[in-house]
Amino acid sequence: MPILTAAFMFGFLKKSDTPAEARPSWTERLKAGLSRTRAQLGGQLAGLFGRGRIDDEMLEELETTLLMADIGVGTTQYLLDELKATVRRDKLETGDQLQQALADILLRLLTPLEQPLDVSAHKPFIVMIAGVNGSGKTTSIGKLAKHFQAQGKSVLLAAGDTFRAAAREQLAIWGERNNVTVVAQESGDAAAVIFDAVNAARARGIDVVLADTAGRLPTQLHLMEEIAKVKRVIAKADPTAPHEVLLVLDANIGQNALAQVKAFDAAIGVTGLVVTKLDGSAKGGVIAAIARQLPAGHPVALRYIGVGEGIDDLQPFSAIEFVAALFEPAGRS
């Protein structure tokens, strides 16, 4: 599928918005959720590009704006280099043309991250979920359970966070809300809990297993070794598993997200990302940094993004919707 230009992108989103209802559409919720990042990035860009002709001062101010949105030094330099090349090649003259070019470049940069998760390849499809404390991991599991149920899939939750009693209780609440079985133990080994959950799912013909793990920092080497053990035990229960290793990232941590991805990937082989709390952060630009700075030839898909507390406020990542939401204010149609 060819990459859509930003001009077509905006028109496409406007035409596809659903009629206003009591609950705003996902597109509107995404725009609202990115309001802080847009104020940091899009709002300043609008004033900058609205000044008229492209000059060195405009490009210098653009660099500052991109850095403040937590896009990062390396990615900012990449965007500026691409923009300057586009200005020369296409003989751009106005700020509006420069904004259009920036939207197109961002779209090309982010599109490779857009890789929807297909859970039909295995049964049960086992998803191992990791992250640091407070990243929104357990809440994301509850939302993912609802997401897969909406696809007609049966789901089982494994309460592998045996360090935090509240995590088991929280998962149990999500299980009750979604009418999903939760495999848990009052105490014990996380790997054993998940091993039992995989066997239970196989016996019951469950489609998807969402396996929670305890939050940990990449600097806690013994805990990183433990989560690697959890992955090995899952493979004992099913030699093809885990089929997806999701890392949950809090958008508020900005550039620290890159270090977390690299550390967890080294320990457990991360295959997908979930970025949460974009609605509370002005650092949504870190997604561009993730797209640009992860090792070449080893793309980590951005499976889902979260922009609110509602059960359906976690949705598959769409590059075209994300870029449009950065530049187009909420409520505009």
Protein backbone atom coordinates (compact mmCIF):
# COMPACT_ATOMS: atom_id res chain seq x y z
CA MET A 1 0.00 0.00 0.00
CA PRO A 2 1.56 3.36 -0.97
CA ILE A 3 2.25 5.93 1.70
CA LEU A 4 -0.46 8.57 1.70
CA THR A 5 0.51 12.21 1.52
CA ALA A 6 -0.44 14.42 4.44
CA ALA A 7 -2.85 16.40 2.25
CA PHE A 8 -4.83 13.27 1.38
CA MET A 9 -4.45 12.02 4.95
CA PHE A 10 -6.28 14.99 6.46
CA GLY A 11 -9.09 14.71 3.91
CA PHE A 12 -9.40 10.96 4.49
CA LEU A 13 -9.72 11.35 8.24
CA LYS A 14 -12.31 14.07 7.96
CA LYS A 15 -14.49 12.01 5.64
CA SER A 16 -14.22 8.88 7.75
CA ASP A 17 -15.09 10.46 11.09
CA THR A 18 -18.24 8.90 12.50
CA PRO A 19 -21.26 11.10 13.33
CA ALA A 20 -21.12 12.73 16.74
CA GLU A 21 -22.48 10.47 19.47
CA ALA A 22 -22.40 10.43 23.24
CA ARG A 23 -18.94 8.82 23.07
CA PRO A 24 -16.44 10.61 20.80
CA SER A 25 -14.93 8.61 17.98
CA TRP A 26 -11.45 7.13 18.37
CA THR A 27 -10.08 9.82 16.04
CA GLU A 28 -11.48 12.57 18.26
CA ARG A 29 -10.24 10.85 21.42
CA LEU A 30 -6.81 10.50 19.84
CA LYS A 31 -6.71 14.20 18.96
CA ALA A 32 -7.81 15.11 22.48
CA GLY A 33 -5.33 12.67 24.00
CA LEU A 34 -2.45 14.19 22.05
CA SER A 35 -3.43 17.74 22.99
CA ARG A 36 -0.40 18.30 25.24
CA THR A 37 2.05 17.01 22.67
CA ARG A 38 0.27 19.02 19.96
CA ALA A 39 0.45 22.18 22.11
CA GLN A 40 4.17 21.53 22.48
CA LEU A 41 4.71 20.61 18.84
CA GLY A 42 1.80 21.37 16.57
CA GLY A 43 0.74 24.62 18.24
CA GLN A 44 4.20 26.11 18.07
CA LEU A 45 4.69 24.83 14.55
CA ALA A 46 1.48 26.53 13.43
CA GLY A 47 2.76 29.88 14.65
CA LEU A 48 6.18 29.23 13.19
CA PHE A 49 4.99 28.12 9.76
CA GLY A 50 2.35 30.83 9.62
CA ARG A 51 5.02 33.51 9.45
CA GLY A 52 5.54 33.12 5.72
CA ARG A 53 8.68 32.34 3.79
CA ILE A 54 11.21 29.67 4.75
CA ASP A 55 14.50 31.04 6.07
CA ASP A 56 17.37 29.97 8.35
CA GLU A 57 15.67 31.48 11.41
CA MET A 58 12.55 29.40 10.80
CA LEU A 59 14.60 26.21 10.54
CA GLU A 60 16.50 27.02 13.76
CA GLU A 61 13.25 27.60 15.64
CA LEU A 62 11.86 24.40 14.17
CA GLU A 63 14.84 22.50 15.60
CA THR A 64 14.14 23.89 19.08
CA THR A 65 10.46 23.01 18.83
CA LEU A 66 11.17 19.43 17.82
CA LEU A 67 13.63 18.96 20.67
CA MET A 68 11.13 20.32 23.20
CA ALA A 69 8.57 17.74 22.00
CA ASP A 70 11.09 15.05 23.05
CA ILE A 71 11.74 13.85 19.54
CA GLY A 72 15.40 13.61 20.48
CA VAL A 73 18.63 15.02 19.07
CA GLY A 74 19.32 12.31 16.49
CA THR A 75 15.75 12.17 15.17
CA THR A 76 15.47 15.96 15.09
CA GLN A 77 18.62 16.16 13.00
CA TYR A 78 17.24 13.49 10.66
CA LEU A 79 13.97 15.40 10.21
CA LEU A 80 15.79 18.67 9.55
CA ASP A 81 18.10 17.05 7.00
CA GLU A 82 15.12 15.49 5.22
CA LEU A 83 13.25 18.81 5.28
CA LYS A 84 16.20 20.77 3.86
CA ALA A 85 16.59 18.20 1.09
CA THR A 86 12.87 18.46 0.31
CA VAL A 87 13.02 22.28 0.27
CA ARG A 88 15.84 22.17 -2.27
CA ARG A 89 14.36 19.39 -4.40
CA ASP A 90 10.79 20.66 -4.52
CA LYS A 91 11.71 24.37 -4.35
CA LEU A 92 9.47 24.98 -1.33
CA GLU A 93 9.01 28.62 -0.36
CA THR A 94 6.32 28.99 2.31
CA GLY A 95 5.83 27.86 5.87
CA ASP A 96 2.64 26.01 4.88
CA GLN A 97 4.62 23.97 2.37
CA LEU A 98 7.24 23.21 5.01
CA GLN A 99 4.58 21.97 7.45
CA GLN A 100 3.14 19.75 4.71
CA ALA A 101 6.63 18.34 4.06
CA LEU A 102 7.21 17.70 7.79
CA ALA A 103 3.92 15.81 8.06
CA ASP A 104 4.87 13.67 5.05
CA ILE A 105 8.32 12.88 6.47
CA LEU A 106 6.88 11.97 9.88
CA LEU A 107 4.35 9.71 8.20
CA ARG A 108 7.09 7.90 6.27
CA LEU A 109 9.14 7.56 9.46
CA LEU A 110 6.30 6.17 11.58
CA THR A 111 4.59 3.90 9.05
CA PRO A 112 7.03 0.96 9.61
CA LEU A 113 5.94 0.88 13.28
CA GLU A 114 2.36 0.15 12.21
CA GLN A 115 2.15 -3.64 12.34
CA PRO A 116 -1.20 -4.94 13.65
CA LEU A 117 -0.96 -7.94 15.94
CA ASP A 118 -2.47 -11.11 14.44
CA VAL A 119 -3.32 -13.59 17.20
CA SER A 120 -4.77 -16.23 14.88
CA ALA A 121 -1.43 -17.87 14.04
CA HIS A 122 -1.42 -20.06 17.19
CA LYS A 123 -3.97 -21.42 19.65
CA PRO A 124 -3.51 -20.48 22.34
CA PHE A 125 -1.64 -17.35 21.23
CA ILE A 126 0.56 -16.48 24.20
CA VAL A 127 1.41 -12.84 24.86
CA MET A 128 4.04 -12.09 27.50
CA ILE A 129 3.76 -8.54 28.85
CA ALA A 130 6.61 -6.66 30.56
CA GLY A 131 7.42 -3.15 31.73
CA VAL A 132 8.66 -1.03 34.60
CA ASN A 133 6.55 -0.28 37.66
CA GLY A 134 3.83 2.27 36.98
CA SER A 135 3.92 1.99 33.20
CA GLY A 136 0.26 0.96 33.01
CA LYS A 137 1.00 -2.68 32.34
CA THR A 138 -1.81 -4.34 34.29
CA THR A 139 -4.41 -1.83 33.10
CA SER A 140 -3.27 -2.39 29.53
CA ILE A 141 -3.80 -6.13 29.96
CA GLY A 142 -7.40 -5.53 30.94
CA LYS A 143 -7.95 -3.30 27.92
CA LEU A 144 -6.27 -5.81 25.62
CA ALA A 145 -8.56 -8.53 26.93
CA LYS A 146 -11.55 -6.44 25.92
CA HIS A 147 -9.95 -5.68 22.55
CA PHE A 148 -9.45 -9.36 21.72
CA GLN A 149 -12.92 -10.28 22.95
CA ALA A 150 -14.33 -7.71 20.53
CA GLN A 151 -12.60 -9.73 17.79
CA GLY A 152 -14.47 -12.83 18.93
CA LYS A 153 -11.49 -14.35 20.75
CA SER A 154 -11.62 -16.12 24.10
CA VAL A 155 -9.04 -14.82 26.58
CA LEU A 156 -7.33 -16.08 29.73
CA LEU A 157 -5.24 -13.88 32.04
CA ALA A 158 -2.16 -15.10 33.90
CA ALA A 159 -1.38 -13.11 37.07
CA GLY A 160 2.39 -13.45 36.80
CA ASP A 161 3.10 -10.40 38.96
CA THR A 162 3.55 -12.34 42.19
CA PHE A 163 5.44 -9.50 43.90
CA ARG A 164 2.53 -7.10 44.15
CA ALA A 165 -0.73 -8.35 45.67
CA ALA A 166 -2.54 -5.33 44.26
CA ALA A 167 -1.59 -6.44 40.76
CA ARG A 168 -3.38 -9.77 41.24
CA GLU A 169 -6.42 -8.00 42.65
CA GLN A 170 -6.42 -5.49 39.80
CA LEU A 171 -6.20 -8.27 37.24
CA ALA A 172 -9.01 -10.13 38.99
CA ILE A 173 -11.22 -7.03 38.71
CA TRP A 174 -10.49 -6.79 34.98
CA GLY A 175 -11.27 -10.51 34.70
CA GLU A 176 -14.65 -10.04 36.35
CA ARG A 177 -15.45 -6.99 34.25
CA ASN A 178 -14.67 -8.83 31.00
CA ASN A 179 -15.91 -12.26 32.19
CA VAL A 180 -12.40 -13.66 31.68
CA THR A 181 -10.72 -16.41 33.73
CA VAL A 182 -7.66 -15.31 35.74
CA VAL A 183 -5.06 -17.89 36.78
CA ALA A 184 -3.34 -16.69 39.96
CA GLN A 185 -1.65 -17.84 43.16
CA GLU A 186 -1.49 -16.11 46.51
CA SER A 187 2.27 -16.50 46.43
CA GLY A 188 4.79 -18.41 44.44
CA ASP A 189 6.86 -18.36 41.33
CA ALA A 190 5.74 -16.17 38.42
CA ALA A 191 6.99 -18.70 35.88
CA ALA A 192 4.94 -21.45 37.53
CA VAL A 193 1.78 -19.34 37.43
CA ILE A 194 2.18 -18.63 33.72
CA PHE A 195 3.11 -22.26 33.00
CA ASP A 196 -0.15 -23.37 34.64
CA ALA A 197 -2.09 -20.71 32.72
CA VAL A 198 -0.76 -21.91 29.37
CA ASN A 199 -1.72 -25.50 30.15
CA ALA A 200 -5.15 -24.39 31.35
CA ALA A 201 -5.69 -22.39 28.16
CA ARG A 202 -4.74 -25.36 26.00
CA ALA A 203 -7.10 -27.65 27.90
CA ARG A 204 -10.00 -25.18 27.60
CA GLY A 205 -9.43 -24.25 23.96
CA ILE A 206 -8.68 -20.61 24.79
CA ASP A 207 -7.56 -18.37 21.93
CA VAL A 208 -5.34 -15.82 23.70
CA VAL A 209 -3.30 -15.89 26.93
CA LEU A 210 -2.20 -12.53 28.34
CA ALA A 211 0.62 -13.17 30.81
CA ASP A 212 1.39 -10.36 33.26
CA THR A 213 4.86 -10.06 34.81
CA ALA A 214 6.15 -8.01 37.72
CA GLY A 215 7.33 -4.48 37.02
CA ARG A 216 11.09 -4.08 37.11
CA LEU A 217 13.78 -1.58 36.19
CA PRO A 218 16.37 -2.48 33.57
CA THR A 219 19.07 -1.74 36.15
CA GLN A 220 17.77 -4.51 38.45
CA LEU A 221 19.86 -7.23 36.86
CA HIS A 222 18.58 -10.07 39.02
CA LEU A 223 14.99 -9.19 38.08
CA MET A 224 15.92 -8.98 34.41
CA GLU A 225 17.43 -12.46 34.71
CA GLU A 226 14.19 -13.62 36.35
CA ILE A 227 12.01 -12.37 33.52
CA ALA A 228 14.28 -14.16 31.05
CA LYS A 229 13.59 -17.32 33.07
CA VAL A 230 9.84 -16.69 32.80
CA LYS A 231 10.19 -16.62 29.02
CA ARG A 232 12.13 -19.91 29.04
CA VAL A 233 9.45 -21.59 31.17
CA ILE A 234 6.72 -20.40 28.78
CA ALA A 235 8.66 -22.14 25.99
CA LYS A 236 8.60 -25.35 28.04
CA ALA A 237 4.81 -25.19 28.17
CA ASP A 238 4.65 -24.43 24.42
CA PRO A 239 7.86 -24.67 22.35
CA THR A 240 6.55 -22.03 19.91
CA ALA A 241 5.79 -19.51 22.67
CA PRO A 242 5.69 -16.75 23.67
CA HIS A 243 4.28 -15.67 20.36
CA GLU A 244 4.45 -11.98 21.26
CA VAL A 245 6.55 -10.16 23.85
CA LEU A 246 4.94 -6.78 24.54
CA LEU A 247 6.79 -4.02 26.39
CA VAL A 248 4.55 -1.37 27.97
CA LEU A 249 6.04 2.15 27.98
CA ASP A 250 4.75 5.24 29.79
CA ALA A 251 4.82 8.15 27.32
CA ASN A 252 5.78 10.53 30.13
CA ILE A 253 9.29 9.07 30.38
CA GLY A 254 10.24 10.50 27.00
CA GLN A 255 13.73 9.59 25.80
CA ASN A 256 14.17 7.05 28.64
CA ALA A 257 11.80 4.85 26.62
CA LEU A 258 14.65 4.07 24.22
CA ALA A 259 16.85 2.72 27.01
CA GLN A 260 13.96 0.59 28.32
CA VAL A 261 13.31 -0.91 24.88
CA LYS A 262 16.97 -1.79 24.40
CA ALA A 263 17.35 -3.31 27.89
CA PHE A 264 14.19 -5.43 27.79
CA ASP A 265 14.90 -6.46 24.21
CA ALA A 266 18.33 -7.74 25.26
CA ALA A 267 16.75 -9.78 28.06
CA ILE A 268 13.60 -11.18 26.47
CA GLY A 269 13.49 -10.24 22.77
CA VAL A 270 10.75 -7.59 22.59
CA THR A 271 8.51 -7.98 19.53
CA GLY A 272 5.94 -5.25 20.16
CA LEU A 273 5.37 -2.05 22.12
CA VAL A 274 2.41 -0.50 23.92
CA VAL A 275 2.75 3.23 24.63
CA THR A 276 0.37 4.37 27.36
CA LYS A 277 -0.66 7.70 28.93
CA LEU A 278 -0.20 9.79 25.79
CA ASP A 279 -3.10 11.90 27.06
CA GLY A 280 -1.08 13.02 30.08
CA SER A 281 2.18 13.72 28.30
CA ALA A 282 3.72 16.44 26.16
CA LYS A 283 6.35 13.92 25.08
CA GLY A 284 4.49 12.01 22.39
CA GLY A 285 7.32 12.87 20.04
CA VAL A 286 9.26 10.00 21.58
CA ILE A 287 7.41 7.71 19.17
CA ALA A 288 9.35 9.33 16.34
CA ALA A 289 12.57 8.72 18.28
CA ILE A 290 11.64 5.05 18.71
CA ALA A 291 11.01 4.73 14.98
CA ARG A 292 14.33 6.33 14.07
CA GLN A 293 16.78 5.15 16.72
CA LEU A 294 16.09 1.47 17.20
CA PRO A 295 18.66 -0.79 15.55
CA ALA A 296 18.37 -1.06 11.77
CA GLY A 297 17.04 -4.41 10.63
CA HIS A 298 15.35 -5.04 13.98
CA PRO A 299 12.10 -3.07 13.94
CA VAL A 300 9.93 -3.31 17.04
CA ALA A 301 6.29 -2.87 16.11
CA LEU A 302 4.23 -0.27 17.96
CA ARG A 303 1.17 -2.46 18.44
CA TYR A 304 -1.05 -0.21 20.59
CA ILE A 305 -1.25 3.29 22.03
CA GLY A 306 -3.31 4.49 24.99
CA VAL A 307 -4.90 7.92 25.30
CA GLY A 308 -7.23 7.62 28.28
CA GLU A 309 -8.65 5.60 31.15
CA GLY A 310 -11.59 4.11 29.26
CA ILE A 311 -11.56 0.43 28.40
CA ASP A 312 -11.53 1.24 24.68
CA ASP A 313 -8.92 4.01 24.94
CA LEU A 314 -6.19 1.53 23.97
CA GLN A 315 -6.22 0.97 20.22
CA PRO A 316 -3.92 -0.34 17.48
CA PHE A 317 -1.37 2.24 16.36
CA SER A 318 -2.09 3.96 13.05
CA ALA A 319 0.66 6.21 11.71
CA ILE A 320 -1.73 8.18 9.51
CA GLU A 321 -4.10 8.90 12.42
CA PHE A 322 -1.25 9.75 14.78
CA VAL A 323 0.37 12.29 12.44
CA ALA A 324 -3.00 13.86 11.63
CA ALA A 325 -3.78 14.19 15.35
CA LEU A 326 -0.48 16.02 15.92
CA PHE A 327 -1.36 18.71 13.40
CA GLU A 328 -5.15 18.91 13.53
CA PRO A 329 -6.92 20.19 16.68
CA ALA A 330 -9.55 18.12 18.48
CA GLY A 331 -13.10 18.99 17.53
CA ARG A 332 -12.15 19.94 13.97
CA SER A 333 -13.88 17.95 11.24
